[in-house]
Amino acid sequence: MLLDDKIYLGTSTRPEYLTLKYGNRHGLITGATGTGKTVTLQIIAEGFSRAGVPVFCADVKGDLSGISMPGTPDEKIAERAQQIGFKDYFLSAFPTIFWDLFGSQGHPVRTTITEMGPLLLGRILGLNDIQTGVLNIAFKYADDNGLLLLDIKDLRALLVTISENAKEISTRYGNVASASIGAVQRALLVLEQQGGEQFFGEKALDIADLMRLSPDGRGYVSVLAADKLMQSPQLYATFLLWLMSELFEELPEVGDPEKPRLVFFFDEAHLLFDGAPKALVDKVEQVVKLIRSKGVGIYFVTQNPADIPEGVLAQLGNRIQHALRAYTPKEQQAVRVAAESFRPNPAFSTAKVISELATGEALVSTLENKGIPSIVGRTTIRPPSSRMGPITPAERAAVMAVSPVSGLYDKSVDRESAYEVLTRRAEAIPVEAPAKGRASNRESFQEAAIKSFTRAMASSAGRQVMNAIGRELVRGVLGGLLR
């Protein structure tokens, strides 16, 4: 069952495999709560890891942490493995790196305000079009003035500056109404109270650390602790969207490799599309379509295929459907739509079987020779080799202690950025009214700003200039595509 070019998923009337060559053609795992989606995700992650493919997945319920520990011996599970012909079944842990946006259950994950960009940041903050426009002006003003936006206090200081100089800035960049600035500031406060200040800052996540291999050649499984993060679903969805866009932006083209360079699981995928504007959905579709050429496979995990827009759904070649219940007309329609997405099997009615599947069973159709979907098979999913269920805090701490990124991200770095520069500018402006014959307040402000900016340039040894140029080129693929 352990083949070099395939991942064994389970057995229908034949063994069902996911071919590594088509692993970057993306996939979909769907089914009602409690039908086995998490275990299916786990066994696919194990298969990719064993094949030397790094994996990134969000652990919404805490159960996926078990992939870091060998499974517990169980006679019933071993018997089930024998019944489906899985003679090579064995218990094993997999190399794991734990991550956490809040830094409590894994290594901290950070990005900067600049790297997030105004489009995705506006989505996190729940801004309307006018308010997002003000955010775009803020980013442009920061770029033009060599201001690094690293963390929330940088953006807050920038918004204060824009508010205090709204008339001059509106003349050059467009209207910046005080009401819109206030709305952005209030939304920023809410994000900060939800823990957003821990997410924005440095050291920012290096994508290369999600693509590590263990000494024995297996791919590391990066597990993002998302139980607390799910309390802020907008932050969760936008973070994963940002990560997807960063992968697209940073990785070189590789065409269709023999196996993916990285596989990315997007659990609770409906959160990405709920309430998303059409422009954003279109860009997600474009990224999903193009990122396969970077060797990245994206697997959406959600309850119903209808949660995924049709344009995105069409890009998902490998499909695993667990049970869906059909009690209402709307649910029955969803079952029919799900059934029609599979290549029919003359042996059974796909729509009928979807509502009959037991826990641990699924309909499986994956890409075979020449990328053609296989005939759908009613499949008993194989048991995972690693532990099913969460690990203990002590076990998590032990895994983190030997992590290859231990010490790289655990302490934040607060270098000079917009907050420090703008604070010095404000301190340089005289409080008293200018004497007759002296420069006006506006001229004093400009003069002090130039002097302050010159000192900042000198102290950072040209770093600000390079970052100002780089920000125009590196903003995140979605923001760049919209521009």
Protein backbone atom coordinates (compact mmCIF):
# COMPACT_ATOMS: atom_id res chain seq x y z
CA MET A 1 0.00 0.00 0.00
CA LEU A 2 2.94 2.36 0.52
CA LEU A 3 3.76 3.47 -3.01
CA ASP A 4 6.32 6.11 -3.93
CA ASP A 5 4.02 8.10 -6.19
CA LYS A 6 0.64 7.74 -4.47
CA ILE A 7 -1.11 8.27 -1.14
CA TYR A 8 -3.41 5.45 -0.06
CA LEU A 9 -6.78 6.86 1.06
CA GLY A 10 -8.87 3.74 1.62
CA THR A 11 -10.67 1.00 -0.24
CA SER A 12 -13.90 0.92 -2.25
CA THR A 13 -14.16 -1.96 -4.71
CA ARG A 14 -10.49 -1.18 -5.26
CA PRO A 15 -7.76 0.72 -3.41
CA GLU A 16 -8.26 4.47 -3.76
CA TYR A 17 -5.19 6.69 -4.13
CA LEU A 18 -4.28 10.34 -4.44
CA THR A 19 -1.52 10.54 -7.04
CA LEU A 20 1.31 12.85 -5.96
CA LYS A 21 1.79 14.12 -9.50
CA TYR A 22 -1.69 15.64 -9.30
CA GLY A 23 -1.43 16.75 -5.70
CA ASN A 24 -1.03 20.39 -6.77
CA ARG A 25 -4.31 20.24 -8.72
CA HIS A 26 -6.01 21.11 -5.43
CA GLY A 27 -8.82 19.32 -3.63
CA LEU A 28 -12.02 19.45 -1.64
CA ILE A 29 -13.02 17.60 1.54
CA THR A 30 -16.66 18.04 2.46
CA GLY A 31 -19.24 16.55 4.79
CA ALA A 32 -21.48 17.26 7.76
CA THR A 33 -20.05 17.74 11.24
CA GLY A 34 -18.90 14.47 12.81
CA THR A 35 -18.64 12.46 9.59
CA GLY A 36 -14.84 12.13 9.54
CA LYS A 37 -13.49 15.15 7.63
CA THR A 38 -10.73 15.79 10.19
CA VAL A 39 -9.47 12.19 10.06
CA THR A 40 -9.44 12.36 6.25
CA LEU A 41 -7.42 15.57 6.40
CA GLN A 42 -5.06 13.86 8.86
CA ILE A 43 -4.39 10.80 6.71
CA ILE A 44 -3.79 12.93 3.60
CA ALA A 45 -1.39 15.14 5.59
CA GLU A 46 0.41 12.00 6.77
CA GLY A 47 0.70 10.76 3.20
CA PHE A 48 2.16 14.00 1.92
CA SER A 49 4.58 14.22 4.85
CA ARG A 50 5.76 10.65 4.28
CA ALA A 51 6.35 11.52 0.61
CA GLY A 52 8.58 14.47 1.56
CA VAL A 53 5.95 17.19 1.02
CA PRO A 54 5.57 19.86 3.75
CA VAL A 55 2.01 20.52 4.89
CA PHE A 56 0.26 23.50 6.47
CA CYS A 57 -3.10 23.05 8.20
CA ALA A 58 -5.25 24.88 10.71
CA ASP A 59 -6.30 22.92 13.81
CA VAL A 60 -9.78 24.27 14.44
CA LYS A 61 -10.81 21.80 17.17
CA GLY A 62 -7.41 20.79 18.54
CA ASP A 63 -7.65 17.24 17.18
CA LEU A 64 -4.96 17.62 14.50
CA SER A 65 -2.26 18.12 17.14
CA GLY A 66 -2.32 14.33 17.47
CA ILE A 67 -0.38 14.02 14.22
CA SER A 68 2.76 14.76 16.25
CA MET A 69 2.35 11.54 18.28
CA PRO A 70 2.10 7.87 17.26
CA GLY A 71 -1.39 6.40 17.37
CA THR A 72 -2.54 4.31 20.31
CA PRO A 73 -2.69 0.53 19.67
CA ASP A 74 -6.31 -0.48 19.16
CA GLU A 75 -7.55 -3.92 18.11
CA LYS A 76 -10.64 -2.61 16.33
CA ILE A 77 -8.63 -0.12 14.29
CA ALA A 78 -6.04 -2.76 13.40
CA GLU A 79 -8.83 -5.15 12.40
CA ARG A 80 -10.42 -2.49 10.21
CA ALA A 81 -7.09 -1.88 8.50
CA GLN A 82 -6.83 -5.59 7.70
CA GLN A 83 -10.42 -5.71 6.39
CA ILE A 84 -9.73 -3.00 3.80
CA GLY A 85 -6.44 -4.61 2.77
CA PHE A 86 -4.16 -2.08 4.46
CA LYS A 87 -1.50 -4.63 5.39
CA ASP A 88 1.25 -2.04 5.76
CA TYR A 89 -0.57 -0.20 8.55
CA PHE A 90 1.72 0.90 11.38
CA LEU A 91 1.68 3.52 14.13
CA SER A 92 3.91 6.56 13.67
CA ALA A 93 4.32 10.20 14.68
CA PHE A 94 5.08 12.83 12.06
CA PRO A 95 7.47 15.80 12.25
CA THR A 96 5.38 18.73 13.43
CA ILE A 97 5.79 22.46 13.99
CA PHE A 98 3.12 24.15 16.08
CA TRP A 99 2.16 27.76 15.29
CA ASP A 100 -0.20 30.17 17.00
CA LEU A 101 -1.11 33.75 16.09
CA PHE A 102 -1.40 34.44 19.81
CA GLY A 103 1.83 32.65 20.75
CA SER A 104 0.36 30.45 23.49
CA GLN A 105 0.05 27.03 21.81
CA GLY A 106 2.79 27.37 19.22
CA HIS A 107 5.49 29.60 17.83
CA PRO A 108 4.15 33.10 17.16
CA VAL A 109 3.08 33.89 13.61
CA ARG A 110 3.53 37.52 12.65
CA THR A 111 3.35 39.71 9.61
CA THR A 112 3.66 43.45 9.22
CA ILE A 113 0.91 45.94 8.43
CA THR A 114 2.72 46.72 5.16
CA GLU A 115 2.91 43.08 4.09
CA MET A 116 -0.78 42.56 4.81
CA GLY A 117 -1.69 45.52 2.58
CA PRO A 118 -4.81 47.72 2.63
CA LEU A 119 -7.14 45.27 0.84
CA LEU A 120 -6.76 42.39 3.27
CA LEU A 121 -6.41 44.66 6.28
CA GLY A 122 -9.66 46.36 5.30
CA ARG A 123 -11.31 42.94 5.22
CA ILE A 124 -10.04 42.08 8.70
CA LEU A 125 -11.35 45.40 10.01
CA GLY A 126 -14.70 45.02 8.26
CA LEU A 127 -14.41 48.37 6.48
CA ASN A 128 -16.72 49.59 3.75
CA ASP A 129 -15.44 50.87 0.39
CA ILE A 130 -15.06 54.49 1.53
CA GLN A 131 -13.20 53.51 4.70
CA THR A 132 -10.98 51.12 2.75
CA GLY A 133 -10.24 54.04 0.41
CA VAL A 134 -8.98 56.05 3.38
CA LEU A 135 -6.80 53.09 4.35
CA ASN A 136 -5.36 53.03 0.83
CA ILE A 137 -4.54 56.74 1.12
CA ALA A 138 -2.81 56.05 4.46
CA PHE A 139 -0.63 53.36 2.87
CA LYS A 140 0.22 55.61 -0.08
CA TYR A 141 1.12 58.47 2.25
CA ALA A 142 3.36 56.13 4.24
CA ASP A 143 5.09 54.97 1.06
CA ASP A 144 5.65 58.51 -0.18
CA ASN A 145 7.11 59.58 3.16
CA GLY A 146 9.32 56.56 3.86
CA LEU A 147 7.27 55.39 6.84
CA LEU A 148 7.49 51.74 7.81
CA LEU A 149 4.16 50.27 8.92
CA LEU A 150 5.10 47.27 11.02
CA ASP A 151 2.59 47.04 13.85
CA ILE A 152 -0.70 48.50 15.02
CA LYS A 153 0.85 51.45 16.83
CA ASP A 154 2.50 52.49 13.55
CA LEU A 155 -0.84 52.57 11.77
CA ARG A 156 -2.53 54.33 14.67
CA ALA A 157 0.14 57.06 14.69
CA LEU A 158 -0.21 57.43 10.93
CA LEU A 159 -3.98 57.84 11.16
CA VAL A 160 -3.53 60.57 13.79
CA THR A 161 -1.10 62.40 11.48
CA ILE A 162 -3.52 62.13 8.56
CA SER A 163 -6.39 63.39 10.71
CA GLU A 164 -4.37 66.39 11.91
CA ASN A 165 -3.31 67.27 8.36
CA ALA A 166 -6.48 66.17 6.58
CA LYS A 167 -6.85 69.35 4.49
CA GLU A 168 -3.36 69.18 2.97
CA ILE A 169 -3.53 65.38 2.48
CA SER A 170 -7.01 65.54 0.91
CA THR A 171 -5.76 68.03 -1.64
CA ARG A 172 -3.02 65.67 -2.78
CA TYR A 173 -4.47 62.19 -2.30
CA GLY A 174 -8.26 62.57 -2.17
CA ASN A 175 -10.84 63.19 0.52
CA VAL A 176 -10.07 61.83 3.97
CA ALA A 177 -13.18 62.58 6.02
CA SER A 178 -12.73 62.60 9.78
CA ALA A 179 -15.70 60.23 10.15
CA SER A 180 -13.98 57.61 7.97
CA ILE A 181 -10.69 57.97 9.85
CA GLY A 182 -12.60 57.54 13.10
CA ALA A 183 -14.28 54.37 11.79
CA VAL A 184 -10.88 52.89 10.88
CA GLN A 185 -9.49 53.80 14.30
CA ARG A 186 -12.44 52.17 16.09
CA ALA A 187 -12.12 49.01 14.00
CA LEU A 188 -8.40 48.96 14.75
CA LEU A 189 -9.15 49.15 18.47
CA VAL A 190 -11.49 46.16 18.23
CA LEU A 191 -8.84 44.16 16.36
CA GLU A 192 -6.27 45.04 19.00
CA GLN A 193 -8.61 43.87 21.78
CA GLN A 194 -9.04 40.57 19.93
CA GLY A 195 -5.28 40.00 20.03
CA GLY A 196 -4.37 41.52 16.69
CA GLU A 197 -1.44 43.41 18.18
CA GLN A 198 0.33 40.06 18.64
CA PHE A 199 -0.11 39.20 14.97
CA PHE A 200 1.31 42.41 13.52
CA GLY A 201 5.01 43.03 14.06
CA GLU A 202 8.37 41.41 13.62
CA LYS A 203 9.99 38.98 13.21
CA ALA A 204 7.62 38.32 10.32
CA LEU A 205 7.00 34.74 9.21
CA ASP A 206 9.45 33.43 6.62
CA ILE A 207 7.57 31.22 4.16
CA ALA A 208 10.63 28.98 3.92
CA ASP A 209 9.96 27.84 7.50
CA LEU A 210 6.70 26.27 6.34
CA MET A 211 8.60 24.20 3.77
CA ARG A 212 11.06 22.35 5.95
CA LEU A 213 12.01 18.70 5.68
CA SER A 214 12.99 16.52 8.63
CA PRO A 215 16.42 14.80 8.66
CA ASP A 216 14.81 11.58 7.42
CA GLY A 217 13.31 13.39 4.41
CA ARG A 218 9.71 13.68 5.56
CA GLY A 219 7.85 16.95 5.21
CA TYR A 220 7.13 18.90 8.37
CA VAL A 221 3.45 19.33 9.17
CA SER A 222 2.84 22.92 10.29
CA VAL A 223 -0.20 22.94 12.57
CA LEU A 224 -1.79 26.32 13.32
CA ALA A 225 -3.65 26.40 16.64
CA ALA A 226 -6.99 27.88 15.58
CA ASP A 227 -9.41 27.11 18.42
CA LYS A 228 -9.00 30.59 19.94
CA LEU A 229 -8.51 32.16 16.51
CA MET A 230 -11.94 30.90 15.41
CA GLN A 231 -13.49 33.33 17.88
CA SER A 232 -12.40 35.98 15.35
CA PRO A 233 -13.42 34.27 12.09
CA GLN A 234 -12.63 37.32 9.98
CA LEU A 235 -9.05 37.34 11.26
CA TYR A 236 -8.76 33.57 10.71
CA ALA A 237 -9.99 33.71 7.10
CA THR A 238 -7.95 36.79 6.20
CA PHE A 239 -4.76 35.35 7.72
CA LEU A 240 -5.04 32.18 5.63
CA LEU A 241 -5.85 34.26 2.55
CA TRP A 242 -2.77 36.39 3.23
CA LEU A 243 -0.65 33.25 3.63
CA MET A 244 -1.95 31.85 0.37
CA SER A 245 -1.13 35.10 -1.41
CA GLU A 246 2.37 35.18 0.11
CA LEU A 247 3.05 31.67 -1.16
CA PHE A 248 1.94 32.73 -4.62
CA GLU A 249 4.09 35.85 -4.51
CA GLU A 250 7.31 34.39 -3.13
CA LEU A 251 7.61 30.96 -4.72
CA PRO A 252 9.12 30.55 -8.19
CA GLU A 253 7.36 28.85 -11.09
CA VAL A 254 7.98 25.09 -11.23
CA GLY A 255 5.30 23.93 -13.67
CA ASP A 256 3.87 20.50 -12.82
CA PRO A 257 6.37 18.76 -10.53
CA GLU A 258 6.32 15.06 -9.67
CA LYS A 259 4.99 16.02 -6.24
CA PRO A 260 3.87 19.32 -4.67
CA ARG A 261 6.34 21.61 -2.91
CA LEU A 262 3.75 22.39 -0.25
CA VAL A 263 0.17 21.43 0.50
CA PHE A 264 -2.12 23.93 2.21
CA PHE A 265 -5.35 22.86 3.97
CA PHE A 266 -7.98 25.58 4.42
CA ASP A 267 -10.40 24.29 7.08
CA GLU A 268 -13.77 26.04 7.62
CA ALA A 269 -13.30 27.36 4.09
CA HIS A 270 -16.76 28.95 3.95
CA LEU A 271 -15.42 31.72 6.21
CA LEU A 272 -13.20 32.90 3.37
CA PHE A 273 -16.16 33.56 1.10
CA ASP A 274 -18.92 34.62 3.52
CA GLY A 275 -19.68 38.25 2.77
CA ALA A 276 -16.62 38.62 0.54
CA PRO A 277 -16.99 41.19 -2.28
CA LYS A 278 -17.01 39.83 -5.82
CA ALA A 279 -13.64 41.45 -6.57
CA LEU A 280 -12.04 39.49 -3.73
CA VAL A 281 -13.67 36.21 -4.76
CA ASP A 282 -12.43 36.75 -8.31
CA LYS A 283 -8.88 37.24 -7.09
CA VAL A 284 -9.06 34.13 -4.90
CA GLU A 285 -10.17 32.19 -7.96
CA GLN A 286 -7.26 33.62 -9.93
CA VAL A 287 -4.72 32.75 -7.25
CA VAL A 288 -6.09 29.20 -6.86
CA LYS A 289 -5.83 28.75 -10.61
CA LEU A 290 -2.28 30.07 -10.89
CA ILE A 291 -0.65 28.84 -7.68
CA ARG A 292 -0.50 25.24 -8.91
CA SER A 293 2.32 26.35 -11.22
CA LYS A 294 4.25 27.24 -8.04
CA GLY A 295 3.91 23.63 -6.89
CA VAL A 296 1.37 24.43 -4.16
CA GLY A 297 -1.75 22.34 -3.63
CA ILE A 298 -4.71 23.95 -1.84
CA TYR A 299 -7.33 21.72 -0.20
CA PHE A 300 -10.54 23.34 1.00
CA VAL A 301 -12.34 21.67 3.91
CA THR A 302 -15.95 22.64 4.54
CA GLN A 303 -19.38 21.15 5.17
CA ASN A 304 -20.91 21.56 1.74
CA PRO A 305 -19.53 22.04 -1.78
CA ALA A 306 -22.02 24.89 -2.15
CA ASP A 307 -19.87 26.85 0.34
CA ILE A 308 -17.27 27.29 -2.42
CA PRO A 309 -17.93 29.63 -5.38
CA GLU A 310 -18.29 27.80 -8.70
CA GLY A 311 -15.22 29.41 -10.22
CA VAL A 312 -13.06 28.12 -7.36
CA LEU A 313 -14.84 24.77 -7.18
CA ALA A 314 -13.97 24.11 -10.81
CA GLN A 315 -10.25 24.21 -9.92
CA LEU A 316 -10.50 21.44 -7.30
CA GLY A 317 -9.67 18.14 -8.99
CA ASN A 318 -9.34 15.75 -6.03
CA ARG A 319 -12.60 15.33 -4.13
CA ILE A 320 -13.65 13.48 -1.00
CA GLN A 321 -17.28 13.70 0.06
CA HIS A 322 -18.40 12.51 3.50
CA ALA A 323 -22.06 12.21 4.46
CA LEU A 324 -24.53 15.04 3.97
CA ARG A 325 -27.93 15.00 5.61
CA ALA A 326 -30.93 15.85 3.44
CA TYR A 327 -33.99 16.64 5.55
CA THR A 328 -35.07 19.94 3.99
CA PRO A 329 -35.57 20.89 0.31
CA LYS A 330 -32.48 23.11 0.50
CA GLU A 331 -30.36 20.25 1.89
CA GLN A 332 -31.71 17.87 -0.77
CA GLN A 333 -30.72 20.35 -3.46
CA ALA A 334 -27.21 20.57 -1.93
CA VAL A 335 -26.91 16.77 -2.08
CA ARG A 336 -27.90 16.73 -5.75
CA VAL A 337 -25.36 19.45 -6.55
CA ALA A 338 -22.63 17.52 -4.69
CA ALA A 339 -23.51 14.30 -6.52
CA GLU A 340 -23.38 15.96 -9.93
CA SER A 341 -19.79 17.07 -9.29
CA PHE A 342 -18.57 13.43 -9.43
CA ARG A 343 -17.92 11.18 -12.37
CA PRO A 344 -20.86 8.72 -12.08
CA ASN A 345 -20.44 5.12 -10.98
CA PRO A 346 -22.95 2.82 -12.70
CA ALA A 347 -23.00 0.59 -9.59
CA PHE A 348 -24.92 3.07 -7.41
CA SER A 349 -26.76 6.37 -7.23
CA THR A 350 -24.27 8.97 -6.00
CA ALA A 351 -27.00 11.25 -4.62
CA LYS A 352 -28.57 8.38 -2.66
CA VAL A 353 -25.26 7.16 -1.23
CA ILE A 354 -24.18 10.63 -0.01
CA SER A 355 -26.92 10.60 2.64
CA GLU A 356 -26.25 6.97 3.58
CA LEU A 357 -22.51 7.13 4.27
CA ALA A 358 -21.41 6.05 7.73
CA THR A 359 -18.77 7.85 9.78
CA GLY A 360 -15.39 7.02 8.24
CA GLU A 361 -16.87 6.39 4.81
CA ALA A 362 -16.64 8.79 1.90
CA LEU A 363 -17.15 9.12 -1.82
CA VAL A 364 -13.70 9.47 -3.42
CA SER A 365 -12.74 10.70 -6.85
CA THR A 366 -9.17 11.76 -7.61
CA LEU A 367 -7.26 12.67 -10.72
CA GLU A 368 -5.72 9.75 -12.58
CA ASN A 369 -3.81 9.41 -15.85
CA LYS A 370 -3.80 12.62 -17.91
CA GLY A 371 -5.57 14.40 -15.06
CA ILE A 372 -8.94 12.72 -15.66
CA PRO A 373 -11.16 12.27 -12.56
CA SER A 374 -11.65 8.67 -11.49
CA ILE A 375 -15.09 7.07 -11.29
CA VAL A 376 -16.43 7.86 -7.83
CA GLY A 377 -16.06 5.05 -5.32
CA ARG A 378 -17.80 4.43 -1.99
CA THR A 379 -14.70 4.20 0.17
CA THR A 380 -13.84 3.09 3.69
CA ILE A 381 -11.19 5.63 4.72
CA ARG A 382 -7.99 4.14 6.15
CA PRO A 383 -7.12 4.80 9.81
CA PRO A 384 -4.37 7.32 10.55
CA SER A 385 -0.97 6.18 11.79
CA SER A 386 -0.74 9.07 14.22
CA ARG A 387 -2.95 9.76 17.22
CA MET A 388 -6.60 10.60 16.69
CA GLY A 389 -7.44 13.44 19.03
CA PRO A 390 -5.55 16.19 20.86
CA ILE A 391 -2.24 15.93 22.67
CA THR A 392 -1.54 17.14 26.20
CA PRO A 393 0.03 20.54 27.00
CA ALA A 394 3.18 18.73 28.19
CA GLU A 395 3.45 16.82 24.90
CA ARG A 396 2.96 20.04 22.95
CA ALA A 397 5.71 21.75 24.95
CA ALA A 398 8.06 18.81 24.28
CA VAL A 399 7.45 19.05 20.51
CA MET A 400 8.02 22.80 20.54
CA ALA A 401 11.26 22.41 22.50
CA VAL A 402 12.87 20.45 19.65
CA SER A 403 11.22 22.43 16.87
CA PRO A 404 13.55 23.54 14.03
CA VAL A 405 12.23 27.12 14.43
CA SER A 406 12.60 27.24 18.22
CA GLY A 407 13.92 30.66 19.21
CA LEU A 408 13.43 32.23 15.76
CA TYR A 409 10.04 33.82 16.42
CA ASP A 410 9.46 33.54 20.14
CA LYS A 411 10.60 37.11 20.89
CA SER A 412 9.18 40.12 19.07
CA VAL A 413 11.42 42.81 17.55
CA ASP A 414 10.42 46.49 17.65
CA ARG A 415 12.68 48.43 15.31
CA GLU A 416 12.29 52.04 14.24
CA SER A 417 9.18 52.57 12.17
CA ALA A 418 6.33 55.03 11.56
CA TYR A 419 5.46 55.43 15.25
CA GLU A 420 8.97 56.55 16.22
CA VAL A 421 9.40 58.83 13.18
CA LEU A 422 6.02 60.52 13.60
CA THR A 423 6.52 60.92 17.34
CA ARG A 424 9.79 62.78 16.72
CA ARG A 425 8.09 64.95 14.11
CA ALA A 426 5.34 65.91 16.54
CA GLU A 427 7.88 66.76 19.24
CA ALA A 428 9.81 68.96 16.80
CA ILE A 429 6.81 71.22 16.03
CA PRO A 430 6.71 74.37 18.22
CA VAL A 431 3.64 74.59 20.41
CA GLU A 432 3.55 78.43 20.62
CA ALA A 433 2.35 80.62 17.76
CA PRO A 434 5.16 81.79 15.46
CA ALA A 435 6.52 85.31 15.93
CA LYS A 436 6.05 87.89 13.16
CA GLY A 437 8.43 87.28 10.31
CA ARG A 438 8.95 83.63 11.22
CA ALA A 439 7.66 80.71 9.18
CA SER A 440 4.02 79.72 9.52
CA ASN A 441 2.99 76.63 11.50
CA ARG A 442 2.63 74.72 8.27
CA GLU A 443 6.11 75.71 7.12
CA SER A 444 7.53 74.85 10.55
CA PHE A 445 5.86 71.45 10.36
CA GLN A 446 7.33 70.78 6.93
CA GLU A 447 10.79 71.95 7.99
CA ALA A 448 10.74 69.86 11.15
CA ALA A 449 9.45 66.88 9.21
CA ILE A 450 12.30 67.12 6.71
CA LYS A 451 14.88 67.34 9.48
CA SER A 452 13.32 64.48 11.38
CA PHE A 453 13.10 62.33 8.27
CA THR A 454 16.76 63.08 7.46
CA ARG A 455 17.79 61.90 10.94
CA ALA A 456 15.72 58.74 10.46
CA MET A 457 17.41 58.09 7.14
CA ALA A 458 20.84 58.45 8.66
CA SER A 459 20.11 56.27 11.66
CA SER A 460 18.73 53.42 9.58
CA ALA A 461 21.55 53.49 7.03
CA GLY A 462 19.32 53.73 4.00
CA ARG A 463 16.99 50.97 5.10
CA GLN A 464 13.94 53.19 4.83
CA VAL A 465 14.65 54.00 1.18
CA MET A 466 14.94 50.37 0.18
CA ASN A 467 11.76 49.48 2.04
CA ALA A 468 9.86 52.38 0.47
CA ILE A 469 10.81 51.10 -2.98
CA GLY A 470 10.17 47.50 -2.02
CA ARG A 471 6.72 48.22 -0.65
CA GLU A 472 5.54 49.32 -4.07
CA LEU A 473 6.64 45.94 -5.44
CA VAL A 474 5.80 43.71 -2.49
CA ARG A 475 2.36 44.41 -1.10
CA GLY A 476 0.74 40.98 -1.34
CA VAL A 477 -0.53 39.50 -4.56
CA LEU A 478 -4.17 40.37 -4.06
CA GLY A 479 -3.56 44.03 -3.41
CA GLY A 480 -1.13 44.11 -6.31
CA LEU A 481 -3.62 42.54 -8.68
CA LEU A 482 -6.29 45.05 -7.73
CA ARG A 483 -3.94 47.94 -8.45
